[in-house]
Amino acid sequence: MVLCLLWHGEAVANELSERLANFPQWEKLTSVQPASGDLVYPEWMAGYWQITSKLVDLAAPLAPYIVTPGFEGNRRQLNQPVSFLVRFVQGKPPVSLLKFFPTRDDKSSILVADRAFNSLNLARAYLGDEAVLGVKLDPDSPNRQITFLRGERQLVSIVTARATETTPDGRFITSEVFQQLFKGGSRPYLNSVESTTAYQKLSTSKPTIEADQVTAVYLSPQDPDYFQAGDRPVALYRYHLEFTRSH
């Protein structure tokens, strides 16, 4: 059954699956909860995966009045496959989770994304190896990271909220909302981004996962067009992801 309770960031009813089905008619999520600890993935996603990502659709719902920087340039990426390596590893559950599930002990583990490894490979796949110097994760929080770019530029990303959902057909759907701050240009640029992804394990001889992913960009309150945009995204990008088992 679809999860129907808001519990550790689980989505209300089938909001996330309906959200993906209703693309590009989106407004801000209602069921996300403040991010605490890390996002926990199902065990069938453990290990290394080679991802082929393809931008299959994009929309600027408020164009021509509001268009984000780089949106038109991103059209060149339509249907162009990009490949990179990711991994999901065992991590220690947060204290809050152990309190809710006292049968677990400190030695038990959860499956999480290797955020620094994955973000570095993703950024270099899209921007080039020389453009991305490194990714640093906050040692005190998996939800805060900095991507260091050439030219003394930085991208600071902070996950602020998330939700998850499991559907009857076996899909695992996640949504994370994070603040992005671009530093080092003529002026800092701040926005809010939501990434909603539906993962599904395929019944094949070789372990394979397919995913439908939508990234939505919202204006920050500091933006002069913020009140005009309201709760509507100013840019939407839809990707098809294929995961094949690596080493």
C-alpha atoms as a PDB file:
ATOM      1  CA  MET A   1       0.000   0.000   0.000  1.00  0.00           C
ATOM      2  CA  VAL A   2       1.054   3.607  -0.440  1.00  0.00           C
ATOM      3  CA  LEU A   3       2.335   5.177   2.753  1.00  0.00           C
ATOM      4  CA  CYS A   4      -0.410   7.363   4.162  1.00  0.00           C
ATOM      5  CA  LEU A   5       1.177   8.842   7.275  1.00  0.00           C
ATOM      6  CA  LEU A   6       3.620  11.666   7.690  1.00  0.00           C
ATOM      7  CA  TRP A   7       6.370   9.810   9.568  1.00  0.00           C
ATOM      8  CA  HIS A   8      10.038  10.696   9.367  1.00  0.00           C
ATOM      9  CA  GLY A   9       9.340  12.592   6.158  1.00  0.00           C
ATOM     10  CA  GLU A  10       7.085  10.047   4.474  1.00  0.00           C
ATOM     11  CA  ALA A  11       4.665  11.642   2.021  1.00  0.00           C
ATOM     12  CA  VAL A  12       0.959  12.013   2.664  1.00  0.00           C
ATOM     13  CA  ALA A  13      -1.033   9.510   0.557  1.00  0.00           C
ATOM     14  CA  ASN A  14       0.405   9.419  -2.985  1.00  0.00           C
ATOM     15  CA  GLU A  15       1.380  13.050  -3.348  1.00  0.00           C
ATOM     16  CA  LEU A  16       4.793  12.343  -4.861  1.00  0.00           C
ATOM     17  CA  SER A  17       3.588   9.851  -7.487  1.00  0.00           C
ATOM     18  CA  GLU A  18       0.718  12.169  -8.450  1.00  0.00           C
ATOM     19  CA  ARG A  19       3.191  15.022  -8.620  1.00  0.00           C
ATOM     20  CA  LEU A  20       5.327  13.233 -11.184  1.00  0.00           C
ATOM     21  CA  ALA A  21       2.242  12.266 -13.178  1.00  0.00           C
ATOM     22  CA  ASN A  22       1.069  15.898 -13.242  1.00  0.00           C
ATOM     23  CA  PHE A  23       4.303  17.342 -14.651  1.00  0.00           C
ATOM     24  CA  PRO A  24       4.633  20.264 -15.408  1.00  0.00           C
ATOM     25  CA  GLN A  25       1.635  21.489 -13.370  1.00  0.00           C
ATOM     26  CA  TRP A  26       3.517  21.936 -10.077  1.00  0.00           C
ATOM     27  CA  GLU A  27       3.408  24.067  -6.962  1.00  0.00           C
ATOM     28  CA  LYS A  28       5.497  23.719  -3.826  1.00  0.00           C
ATOM     29  CA  LEU A  29       5.304  20.425  -1.950  1.00  0.00           C
ATOM     30  CA  THR A  30       3.038  20.279   1.082  1.00  0.00           C
ATOM     31  CA  SER A  31       4.153  17.066   2.781  1.00  0.00           C
ATOM     32  CA  VAL A  32       7.895  17.578   3.186  1.00  0.00           C
ATOM     33  CA  GLN A  33       9.286  17.659   6.708  1.00  0.00           C
ATOM     34  CA  PRO A  34      12.462  19.337   7.995  1.00  0.00           C
ATOM     35  CA  ALA A  35      15.476  17.226   7.021  1.00  0.00           C
ATOM     36  CA  SER A  36      16.935  15.303   9.937  1.00  0.00           C
ATOM     37  CA  GLY A  37      19.729  12.813   9.428  1.00  0.00           C
ATOM     38  CA  ASP A  38      20.173  11.321   5.965  1.00  0.00           C
ATOM     39  CA  LEU A  39      17.830   9.958   3.315  1.00  0.00           C
ATOM     40  CA  VAL A  40      17.484   6.173   3.746  1.00  0.00           C
ATOM     41  CA  TYR A  41      17.323   4.064   0.580  1.00  0.00           C
ATOM     42  CA  PRO A  42      16.062   0.469   0.078  1.00  0.00           C
ATOM     43  CA  GLU A  43      18.671  -2.283   0.262  1.00  0.00           C
ATOM     44  CA  TRP A  44      18.262  -3.186  -3.415  1.00  0.00           C
ATOM     45  CA  MET A  45      20.074   0.052  -4.268  1.00  0.00           C
ATOM     46  CA  ALA A  46      23.254  -0.881  -2.381  1.00  0.00           C
ATOM     47  CA  GLY A  47      26.614  -0.757  -4.161  1.00  0.00           C
ATOM     48  CA  TYR A  48      28.082   0.934  -7.225  1.00  0.00           C
ATOM     49  CA  TRP A  49      25.957   1.933 -10.214  1.00  0.00           C
ATOM     50  CA  GLN A  50      26.733   3.452 -13.589  1.00  0.00           C
ATOM     51  CA  ILE A  51      24.020   5.997 -14.338  1.00  0.00           C
ATOM     52  CA  THR A  52      23.016   7.191 -17.776  1.00  0.00           C
ATOM     53  CA  SER A  53      21.016  10.389 -17.362  1.00  0.00           C
ATOM     54  CA  LYS A  54      19.050  12.020 -20.165  1.00  0.00           C
ATOM     55  CA  LEU A  55      17.114  15.285 -20.049  1.00  0.00           C
ATOM     56  CA  VAL A  56      13.807  14.411 -21.738  1.00  0.00           C
ATOM     57  CA  ASP A  57      11.695  17.518 -21.069  1.00  0.00           C
ATOM     58  CA  LEU A  58      11.929  21.011 -19.616  1.00  0.00           C
ATOM     59  CA  ALA A  59       9.512  23.839 -18.933  1.00  0.00           C
ATOM     60  CA  ALA A  60       9.538  27.467 -17.821  1.00  0.00           C
ATOM     61  CA  PRO A  61       5.984  27.873 -16.483  1.00  0.00           C
ATOM     62  CA  LEU A  62       6.264  31.641 -15.999  1.00  0.00           C
ATOM     63  CA  ALA A  63       8.034  32.501 -19.271  1.00  0.00           C
ATOM     64  CA  PRO A  64       8.482  34.967 -20.849  1.00  0.00           C
ATOM     65  CA  TYR A  65       8.056  37.065 -17.710  1.00  0.00           C
ATOM     66  CA  ILE A  66      10.387  35.017 -15.494  1.00  0.00           C
ATOM     67  CA  VAL A  67      13.127  32.776 -16.898  1.00  0.00           C
ATOM     68  CA  THR A  68      16.050  31.506 -14.800  1.00  0.00           C
ATOM     69  CA  PRO A  69      19.662  32.067 -15.911  1.00  0.00           C
ATOM     70  CA  GLY A  70      20.830  29.234 -18.137  1.00  0.00           C
ATOM     71  CA  PHE A  71      17.380  27.835 -18.921  1.00  0.00           C
ATOM     72  CA  GLU A  72      17.550  28.418 -22.679  1.00  0.00           C
ATOM     73  CA  GLY A  73      21.101  27.094 -22.785  1.00  0.00           C
ATOM     74  CA  ASN A  74      19.956  23.879 -21.139  1.00  0.00           C
ATOM     75  CA  ARG A  75      17.804  23.080 -24.163  1.00  0.00           C
ATOM     76  CA  ARG A  76      20.999  21.897 -25.842  1.00  0.00           C
ATOM     77  CA  GLN A  77      21.110  19.028 -23.336  1.00  0.00           C
ATOM     78  CA  LEU A  78      17.763  17.580 -24.465  1.00  0.00           C
ATOM     79  CA  ASN A  79      18.105  13.852 -25.244  1.00  0.00           C
ATOM     80  CA  GLN A  80      21.891  13.989 -24.760  1.00  0.00           C
ATOM     81  CA  PRO A  81      22.971  11.086 -22.498  1.00  0.00           C
ATOM     82  CA  VAL A  82      25.390  11.834 -19.653  1.00  0.00           C
ATOM     83  CA  SER A  83      27.046   8.988 -17.745  1.00  0.00           C
ATOM     84  CA  PHE A  84      28.605   8.920 -14.275  1.00  0.00           C
ATOM     85  CA  LEU A  85      29.264   6.583 -11.352  1.00  0.00           C
ATOM     86  CA  VAL A  86      27.400   6.645  -8.025  1.00  0.00           C
ATOM     87  CA  ARG A  87      27.359   4.493  -4.933  1.00  0.00           C
ATOM     88  CA  PHE A  88      25.064   3.769  -1.996  1.00  0.00           C
ATOM     89  CA  VAL A  89      26.760   2.687   1.209  1.00  0.00           C
ATOM     90  CA  GLN A  90      25.945   1.527   4.713  1.00  0.00           C
ATOM     91  CA  GLY A  91      25.670   4.306   7.273  1.00  0.00           C
ATOM     92  CA  LYS A  92      24.879   4.617  10.943  1.00  0.00           C
ATOM     93  CA  PRO A  93      21.259   5.411  11.816  1.00  0.00           C
ATOM     94  CA  PRO A  94      20.648   8.685  13.642  1.00  0.00           C
ATOM     95  CA  VAL A  95      19.868   8.672  17.338  1.00  0.00           C
ATOM     96  CA  SER A  96      16.322   9.842  16.589  1.00  0.00           C
ATOM     97  CA  LEU A  97      15.668   6.698  14.537  1.00  0.00           C
ATOM     98  CA  LEU A  98      16.958   4.443  17.306  1.00  0.00           C
ATOM     99  CA  LYS A  99      14.566   6.104  19.726  1.00  0.00           C
ATOM    100  CA  PHE A 100      11.584   5.284  17.521  1.00  0.00           C
ATOM    101  CA  PHE A 101      12.820   1.736  16.851  1.00  0.00           C
ATOM    102  CA  PRO A 102      14.362   0.567  20.147  1.00  0.00           C
ATOM    103  CA  THR A 103      14.937  -2.951  18.812  1.00  0.00           C
ATOM    104  CA  ARG A 104      17.702  -1.536  16.636  1.00  0.00           C
ATOM    105  CA  ASP A 105      21.132  -1.105  18.187  1.00  0.00           C
ATOM    106  CA  ASP A 106      24.059   1.185  17.512  1.00  0.00           C
ATOM    107  CA  LYS A 107      25.698  -1.475  15.349  1.00  0.00           C
ATOM    108  CA  SER A 108      22.786  -1.665  12.894  1.00  0.00           C
ATOM    109  CA  SER A 109      23.085   0.314   9.667  1.00  0.00           C
ATOM    110  CA  ILE A 110      21.033   2.062   7.027  1.00  0.00           C
ATOM    111  CA  LEU A 111      21.654   2.518   3.306  1.00  0.00           C
ATOM    112  CA  VAL A 112      22.529   6.068   2.269  1.00  0.00           C
ATOM    113  CA  ALA A 113      23.965   7.805  -0.776  1.00  0.00           C
ATOM    114  CA  ASP A 114      27.660   8.664  -0.741  1.00  0.00           C
ATOM    115  CA  ARG A 115      26.796  12.305  -1.286  1.00  0.00           C
ATOM    116  CA  ALA A 116      30.310  13.673  -1.772  1.00  0.00           C
ATOM    117  CA  PHE A 117      31.296  10.906  -4.221  1.00  0.00           C
ATOM    118  CA  ASN A 118      28.025  11.112  -6.172  1.00  0.00           C
ATOM    119  CA  SER A 119      27.913  14.913  -6.321  1.00  0.00           C
ATOM    120  CA  LEU A 120      31.507  15.138  -7.530  1.00  0.00           C
ATOM    121  CA  ASN A 121      30.932  12.619 -10.325  1.00  0.00           C
ATOM    122  CA  LEU A 122      27.646  14.255 -11.335  1.00  0.00           C
ATOM    123  CA  ALA A 123      29.138  17.757 -11.433  1.00  0.00           C
ATOM    124  CA  ARG A 124      32.179  16.652 -13.441  1.00  0.00           C
ATOM    125  CA  ALA A 125      29.989  14.745 -15.898  1.00  0.00           C
ATOM    126  CA  TYR A 126      28.044  17.915 -16.709  1.00  0.00           C
ATOM    127  CA  LEU A 127      30.681  20.620 -16.229  1.00  0.00           C
ATOM    128  CA  GLY A 128      33.932  18.790 -17.014  1.00  0.00           C
ATOM    129  CA  ASP A 129      36.725  17.444 -14.800  1.00  0.00           C
ATOM    130  CA  GLU A 130      38.721  20.673 -14.878  1.00  0.00           C
ATOM    131  CA  ALA A 131      35.761  22.875 -13.912  1.00  0.00           C
ATOM    132  CA  VAL A 132      35.004  21.019 -10.661  1.00  0.00           C
ATOM    133  CA  LEU A 133      37.783  20.989  -8.075  1.00  0.00           C
ATOM    134  CA  GLY A 134      36.063  18.983  -5.351  1.00  0.00           C
ATOM    135  CA  VAL A 135      33.091  18.444  -3.049  1.00  0.00           C
ATOM    136  CA  LYS A 136      33.227  18.793   0.725  1.00  0.00           C
ATOM    137  CA  LEU A 137      30.544  17.423   3.031  1.00  0.00           C
ATOM    138  CA  ASP A 138      29.858  18.990   6.414  1.00  0.00           C
ATOM    139  CA  PRO A 139      31.255  16.436   8.926  1.00  0.00           C
ATOM    140  CA  ASP A 140      28.378  17.254  11.281  1.00  0.00           C
ATOM    141  CA  SER A 141      25.552  16.947   8.755  1.00  0.00           C
ATOM    142  CA  PRO A 142      24.988  14.934   5.555  1.00  0.00           C
ATOM    143  CA  ASN A 143      22.609  17.666   4.446  1.00  0.00           C
ATOM    144  CA  ARG A 144      25.226  20.390   3.921  1.00  0.00           C
ATOM    145  CA  GLN A 145      27.894  20.399   1.225  1.00  0.00           C
ATOM    146  CA  ILE A 146      30.080  22.729  -0.826  1.00  0.00           C
ATOM    147  CA  THR A 147      31.107  22.171  -4.435  1.00  0.00           C
ATOM    148  CA  PHE A 148      34.338  23.996  -5.297  1.00  0.00           C
ATOM    149  CA  LEU A 149      34.565  25.288  -8.871  1.00  0.00           C
ATOM    150  CA  ARG A 150      37.353  26.887 -10.865  1.00  0.00           C
ATOM    151  CA  GLY A 151      37.731  30.624 -10.587  1.00  0.00           C
ATOM    152  CA  GLU A 152      37.183  30.640  -6.822  1.00  0.00           C
ATOM    153  CA  ARG A 153      33.489  29.928  -7.277  1.00  0.00           C
ATOM    154  CA  GLN A 154      31.433  27.792  -4.916  1.00  0.00           C
ATOM    155  CA  LEU A 155      28.034  26.137  -4.847  1.00  0.00           C
ATOM    156  CA  VAL A 156      26.705  25.724  -1.310  1.00  0.00           C
ATOM    157  CA  SER A 157      23.826  23.220  -1.040  1.00  0.00           C
ATOM    158  CA  ILE A 158      21.764  22.667   2.114  1.00  0.00           C
ATOM    159  CA  VAL A 159      18.968  20.074   2.227  1.00  0.00           C
ATOM    160  CA  THR A 160      16.172  21.648   4.248  1.00  0.00           C
ATOM    161  CA  ALA A 161      13.260  19.222   3.852  1.00  0.00           C
ATOM    162  CA  ARG A 162      12.374  15.828   2.395  1.00  0.00           C
ATOM    163  CA  ALA A 163       9.639  13.244   1.903  1.00  0.00           C
ATOM    164  CA  THR A 164       9.535   9.612   0.735  1.00  0.00           C
ATOM    165  CA  GLU A 165       6.839   7.341  -0.629  1.00  0.00           C
ATOM    166  CA  THR A 166       6.553   3.646  -1.496  1.00  0.00           C
ATOM    167  CA  THR A 167       3.969   2.639  -4.099  1.00  0.00           C
ATOM    168  CA  PRO A 168       2.119  -0.674  -4.652  1.00  0.00           C
ATOM    169  CA  ASP A 169       4.100  -1.324  -7.849  1.00  0.00           C
ATOM    170  CA  GLY A 170       7.389  -1.252  -5.937  1.00  0.00           C
ATOM    171  CA  ARG A 171       8.585   2.239  -6.745  1.00  0.00           C
ATOM    172  CA  PHE A 172      10.574   4.123  -4.110  1.00  0.00           C
ATOM    173  CA  ILE A 173       9.978   7.858  -4.496  1.00  0.00           C
ATOM    174  CA  THR A 174      12.031  10.543  -2.797  1.00  0.00           C
ATOM    175  CA  SER A 175      11.820  14.295  -2.721  1.00  0.00           C
ATOM    176  CA  GLU A 176      14.421  16.631  -1.271  1.00  0.00           C
ATOM    177  CA  VAL A 177      14.228  20.408  -1.064  1.00  0.00           C
ATOM    178  CA  PHE A 178      17.479  22.299  -0.744  1.00  0.00           C
ATOM    179  CA  GLN A 179      18.793  25.822  -0.802  1.00  0.00           C
ATOM    180  CA  GLN A 180      21.531  26.634  -3.327  1.00  0.00           C
ATOM    181  CA  LEU A 181      23.894  29.550  -3.022  1.00  0.00           C
ATOM    182  CA  PHE A 182      26.269  30.341  -5.900  1.00  0.00           C
ATOM    183  CA  LYS A 183      29.238  32.367  -4.695  1.00  0.00           C
ATOM    184  CA  GLY A 184      32.125  33.938  -6.593  1.00  0.00           C
ATOM    185  CA  GLY A 185      30.325  35.604  -9.452  1.00  0.00           C
ATOM    186  CA  SER A 186      29.513  39.297  -9.831  1.00  0.00           C
ATOM    187  CA  ARG A 187      26.880  38.791  -7.128  1.00  0.00           C
ATOM    188  CA  PRO A 188      25.733  35.774  -5.095  1.00  0.00           C
ATOM    189  CA  TYR A 189      22.739  33.907  -6.527  1.00  0.00           C
ATOM    190  CA  LEU A 190      20.336  32.077  -4.211  1.00  0.00           C
ATOM    191  CA  ASN A 191      17.461  29.808  -5.121  1.00  0.00           C
ATOM    192  CA  SER A 192      15.443  26.859  -3.837  1.00  0.00           C
ATOM    193  CA  VAL A 193      15.507  23.513  -5.645  1.00  0.00           C
ATOM    194  CA  GLU A 194      13.353  20.410  -5.310  1.00  0.00           C
ATOM    195  CA  SER A 195      14.478  17.061  -6.677  1.00  0.00           C
ATOM    196  CA  THR A 196      11.791  14.349  -6.860  1.00  0.00           C
ATOM    197  CA  THR A 197      12.832  10.895  -8.086  1.00  0.00           C
ATOM    198  CA  ALA A 198      10.934   7.621  -8.538  1.00  0.00           C
ATOM    199  CA  TYR A 199      13.229   4.568  -8.500  1.00  0.00           C
ATOM    200  CA  GLN A 200      12.125   1.135  -9.681  1.00  0.00           C
ATOM    201  CA  LYS A 201      14.070  -2.120  -9.665  1.00  0.00           C
ATOM    202  CA  LEU A 202      13.630  -4.008 -12.930  1.00  0.00           C
ATOM    203  CA  SER A 203      13.269  -7.770 -13.219  1.00  0.00           C
ATOM    204  CA  THR A 204      16.255  -8.491 -15.423  1.00  0.00           C
ATOM    205  CA  SER A 205      19.139 -10.971 -15.342  1.00  0.00           C
ATOM    206  CA  LYS A 206      21.531  -8.104 -14.587  1.00  0.00           C
ATOM    207  CA  PRO A 207      20.628  -5.745 -11.719  1.00  0.00           C
ATOM    208  CA  THR A 208      19.030  -2.677 -13.280  1.00  0.00           C
ATOM    209  CA  ILE A 209      17.147   0.328 -11.920  1.00  0.00           C
ATOM    210  CA  GLU A 210      15.169   2.917 -13.836  1.00  0.00           C
ATOM    211  CA  ALA A 211      14.227   6.305 -12.451  1.00  0.00           C
ATOM    212  CA  ASP A 212      12.038   9.232 -13.378  1.00  0.00           C
ATOM    213  CA  GLN A 213      13.399  12.479 -11.949  1.00  0.00           C
ATOM    214  CA  VAL A 214      12.133  16.053 -11.964  1.00  0.00           C
ATOM    215  CA  THR A 215      14.157  19.011 -10.725  1.00  0.00           C
ATOM    216  CA  ALA A 216      12.148  22.143  -9.942  1.00  0.00           C
ATOM    217  CA  VAL A 217      13.705  25.568  -9.372  1.00  0.00           C
ATOM    218  CA  TYR A 218      11.950  28.149  -7.168  1.00  0.00           C
ATOM    219  CA  LEU A 219      12.914  31.752  -6.532  1.00  0.00           C
ATOM    220  CA  SER A 220      14.260  32.793  -3.148  1.00  0.00           C
ATOM    221  CA  PRO A 221      12.567  35.534  -1.102  1.00  0.00           C
ATOM    222  CA  GLN A 222      15.531  37.774  -1.964  1.00  0.00           C
ATOM    223  CA  ASP A 223      14.656  37.682  -5.671  1.00  0.00           C
ATOM    224  CA  PRO A 224      12.764  40.746  -6.953  1.00  0.00           C
ATOM    225  CA  ASP A 225      10.339  38.442  -8.841  1.00  0.00           C
ATOM    226  CA  TYR A 226       9.646  36.272  -5.774  1.00  0.00           C
ATOM    227  CA  PHE A 227       6.157  37.600  -5.050  1.00  0.00           C
ATOM    228  CA  GLN A 228       5.161  37.354  -8.690  1.00  0.00           C
ATOM    229  CA  ALA A 229       6.248  33.713  -8.850  1.00  0.00           C
ATOM    230  CA  GLY A 230       4.723  32.747  -5.495  1.00  0.00           C
ATOM    231  CA  ASP A 231       4.733  28.983  -4.887  1.00  0.00           C
ATOM    232  CA  ARG A 232       5.186  28.127  -8.556  1.00  0.00           C
ATOM    233  CA  PRO A 233       8.495  26.862  -9.953  1.00  0.00           C
ATOM    234  CA  VAL A 234      10.251  29.019 -12.520  1.00  0.00           C
ATOM    235  CA  ALA A 235      12.028  26.097 -14.206  1.00  0.00           C
ATOM    236  CA  LEU A 236      11.353  22.356 -14.441  1.00  0.00           C
ATOM    237  CA  TYR A 237      13.701  19.689 -15.788  1.00  0.00           C
ATOM    238  CA  ARG A 238      12.665  16.061 -16.302  1.00  0.00           C
ATOM    239  CA  TYR A 239      15.272  13.299 -16.574  1.00  0.00           C
ATOM    240  CA  HIS A 240      15.204   9.595 -17.372  1.00  0.00           C
ATOM    241  CA  LEU A 241      17.864   7.677 -15.438  1.00  0.00           C
ATOM    242  CA  GLU A 242      19.142   4.133 -16.082  1.00  0.00           C
ATOM    243  CA  PHE A 243      21.269   2.407 -13.423  1.00  0.00           C
ATOM    244  CA  THR A 244      23.407  -0.589 -14.346  1.00  0.00           C
ATOM    245  CA  ARG A 245      25.431  -2.480 -11.765  1.00  0.00           C
ATOM    246  CA  SER A 246      29.091  -1.542 -11.716  1.00  0.00           C
ATOM    247  CA  HIS A 247      31.881  -3.219  -9.709  1.00  0.00           C
END
